[in-house]
Amino acid sequence: MAQIIIKEIAYGKTCVLRADTYNCTFAHFARLFAEAQRDFPDLDPAKVEIVQYGGRVSAHTFGIEFDAPFAGLLGYKPIERLEAKL
């Protein structure tokens, strides 16, 4: 079954791409990065952080984060704050 990628933005600049899964394979992160590059073609992989979340909403799931102002204009859902990281 295909996983839905969740796109969020916090503080008006920090983009979060994650899925509702505990998947931590390279293929998962490559898929998240490829999706981010569709929105931000010049995204530098060196500026992308792989994150494991420890908060209530996304506990123990993985995602990527990077700074990209104006992501809200691309349909990224605004969130008030980032989840805690492990």
C-alpha atoms as a PDB file:
ATOM      1  CA  MET A   1       0.000   0.000   0.000  1.00  0.00           C
ATOM      2  CA  ALA A   2       1.323   3.438  -0.930  1.00  0.00           C
ATOM      3  CA  GLN A   3       2.157   5.701   1.959  1.00  0.00           C
ATOM      4  CA  ILE A   4       0.795   9.215   2.030  1.00  0.00           C
ATOM      5  CA  ILE A   5       3.448  11.865   2.509  1.00  0.00           C
ATOM      6  CA  ILE A   6       2.516  14.519   5.047  1.00  0.00           C
ATOM      7  CA  LYS A   7       3.859  18.019   4.300  1.00  0.00           C
ATOM      8  CA  GLU A   8       3.953  20.595   7.096  1.00  0.00           C
ATOM      9  CA  ILE A   9       5.612  23.923   7.827  1.00  0.00           C
ATOM     10  CA  ALA A  10       6.491  25.343  11.251  1.00  0.00           C
ATOM     11  CA  TYR A  11       7.575  28.860  12.178  1.00  0.00           C
ATOM     12  CA  GLY A  12       6.977  29.981   8.595  1.00  0.00           C
ATOM     13  CA  LYS A  13      10.146  28.319   7.324  1.00  0.00           C
ATOM     14  CA  THR A  14      10.868  24.807   8.631  1.00  0.00           C
ATOM     15  CA  CYS A  15       9.437  22.165   6.312  1.00  0.00           C
ATOM     16  CA  VAL A  16       8.603  18.688   7.559  1.00  0.00           C
ATOM     17  CA  LEU A  17       7.961  15.743   5.274  1.00  0.00           C
ATOM     18  CA  ARG A  18       6.964  12.514   6.967  1.00  0.00           C
ATOM     19  CA  ALA A  19       4.628   9.559   6.634  1.00  0.00           C
ATOM     20  CA  ASP A  20       2.442   7.810   9.172  1.00  0.00           C
ATOM     21  CA  THR A  21       4.870   4.913   9.413  1.00  0.00           C
ATOM     22  CA  TYR A  22       7.845   3.683  11.401  1.00  0.00           C
ATOM     23  CA  ASN A  23       9.781   3.030   8.199  1.00  0.00           C
ATOM     24  CA  CYS A  24      13.436   4.037   8.482  1.00  0.00           C
ATOM     25  CA  THR A  25      14.883   2.566   5.300  1.00  0.00           C
ATOM     26  CA  PHE A  26      17.036   4.470   2.860  1.00  0.00           C
ATOM     27  CA  ALA A  27      14.283   4.065   0.263  1.00  0.00           C
ATOM     28  CA  HIS A  28      11.835   5.838   2.600  1.00  0.00           C
ATOM     29  CA  PHE A  29      14.150   8.817   3.073  1.00  0.00           C
ATOM     30  CA  ALA A  30      14.951   8.914  -0.642  1.00  0.00           C
ATOM     31  CA  ARG A  31      11.216   9.037  -1.389  1.00  0.00           C
ATOM     32  CA  LEU A  32      10.703  11.905   1.082  1.00  0.00           C
ATOM     33  CA  PHE A  33      13.652  13.794  -0.401  1.00  0.00           C
ATOM     34  CA  ALA A  34      12.411  13.235  -3.962  1.00  0.00           C
ATOM     35  CA  GLU A  35       9.025  14.648  -2.962  1.00  0.00           C
ATOM     36  CA  ALA A  36      10.714  17.681  -1.358  1.00  0.00           C
ATOM     37  CA  GLN A  37      12.730  18.234  -4.537  1.00  0.00           C
ATOM     38  CA  ARG A  38       9.520  18.369  -6.581  1.00  0.00           C
ATOM     39  CA  ASP A  39       8.574  21.452  -4.561  1.00  0.00           C
ATOM     40  CA  PHE A  40      12.106  22.825  -4.157  1.00  0.00           C
ATOM     41  CA  PRO A  41      14.223  21.736  -7.170  1.00  0.00           C
ATOM     42  CA  ASP A  42      17.364  23.411  -5.806  1.00  0.00           C
ATOM     43  CA  LEU A  43      17.148  21.719  -2.380  1.00  0.00           C
ATOM     44  CA  ASP A  44      20.632  20.755  -1.204  1.00  0.00           C
ATOM     45  CA  PRO A  45      20.749  17.305   0.459  1.00  0.00           C
ATOM     46  CA  ALA A  46      23.380  18.666   2.855  1.00  0.00           C
ATOM     47  CA  LYS A  47      20.725  20.999   4.294  1.00  0.00           C
ATOM     48  CA  VAL A  48      18.174  18.243   4.975  1.00  0.00           C
ATOM     49  CA  GLU A  49      18.014  16.630   8.409  1.00  0.00           C
ATOM     50  CA  ILE A  50      16.730  13.089   8.992  1.00  0.00           C
ATOM     51  CA  VAL A  51      14.664  13.132  12.166  1.00  0.00           C
ATOM     52  CA  GLN A  52      13.095  10.579  14.497  1.00  0.00           C
ATOM     53  CA  TYR A  53      10.226  12.160  16.378  1.00  0.00           C
ATOM     54  CA  GLY A  54       9.506  11.663  20.052  1.00  0.00           C
ATOM     55  CA  GLY A  55       6.431  13.832  20.498  1.00  0.00           C
ATOM     56  CA  ARG A  56       2.829  12.798  21.089  1.00  0.00           C
ATOM     57  CA  VAL A  57       1.563  13.138  17.552  1.00  0.00           C
ATOM     58  CA  SER A  58       4.378  11.445  15.630  1.00  0.00           C
ATOM     59  CA  ALA A  59       6.178   9.386  18.290  1.00  0.00           C
ATOM     60  CA  HIS A  60       8.940   7.157  16.924  1.00  0.00           C
ATOM     61  CA  THR A  61       8.197   7.941  13.271  1.00  0.00           C
ATOM     62  CA  PHE A  62      10.845   9.319  10.925  1.00  0.00           C
ATOM     63  CA  GLY A  63      10.871  12.253   8.558  1.00  0.00           C
ATOM     64  CA  ILE A  64      13.015  14.957   7.052  1.00  0.00           C
ATOM     65  CA  GLU A  65      13.244  18.643   7.889  1.00  0.00           C
ATOM     66  CA  PHE A  66      14.751  21.619   6.086  1.00  0.00           C
ATOM     67  CA  ASP A  67      14.288  25.369   5.931  1.00  0.00           C
ATOM     68  CA  ALA A  68      12.373  26.768   2.972  1.00  0.00           C
ATOM     69  CA  PRO A  69      10.393  29.982   3.385  1.00  0.00           C
ATOM     70  CA  PHE A  70       7.094  30.242   1.515  1.00  0.00           C
ATOM     71  CA  ALA A  71       6.336  26.489   1.664  1.00  0.00           C
ATOM     72  CA  GLY A  72       2.878  27.426   2.882  1.00  0.00           C
ATOM     73  CA  LEU A  73       2.229  28.771  -0.595  1.00  0.00           C
ATOM     74  CA  LEU A  74       2.903  25.268  -1.937  1.00  0.00           C
ATOM     75  CA  GLY A  75       0.237  23.626   0.194  1.00  0.00           C
ATOM     76  CA  TYR A  76       2.337  22.717   3.217  1.00  0.00           C
ATOM     77  CA  LYS A  77       0.073  22.566   6.270  1.00  0.00           C
ATOM     78  CA  PRO A  78       1.012  25.128   8.940  1.00  0.00           C
ATOM     79  CA  ILE A  79       1.779  23.663  12.374  1.00  0.00           C
ATOM     80  CA  GLU A  80       2.400  25.686  15.535  1.00  0.00           C
ATOM     81  CA  ARG A  81       5.577  23.894  16.543  1.00  0.00           C
ATOM     82  CA  LEU A  82       7.849  21.030  15.681  1.00  0.00           C
ATOM     83  CA  GLU A  83       7.556  17.671  17.417  1.00  0.00           C
ATOM     84  CA  ALA A  84      10.233  16.698  19.920  1.00  0.00           C
ATOM     85  CA  LYS A  85      13.145  14.824  18.372  1.00  0.00           C
ATOM     86  CA  LEU A  86      14.858  11.697  19.690  1.00  0.00           C
END
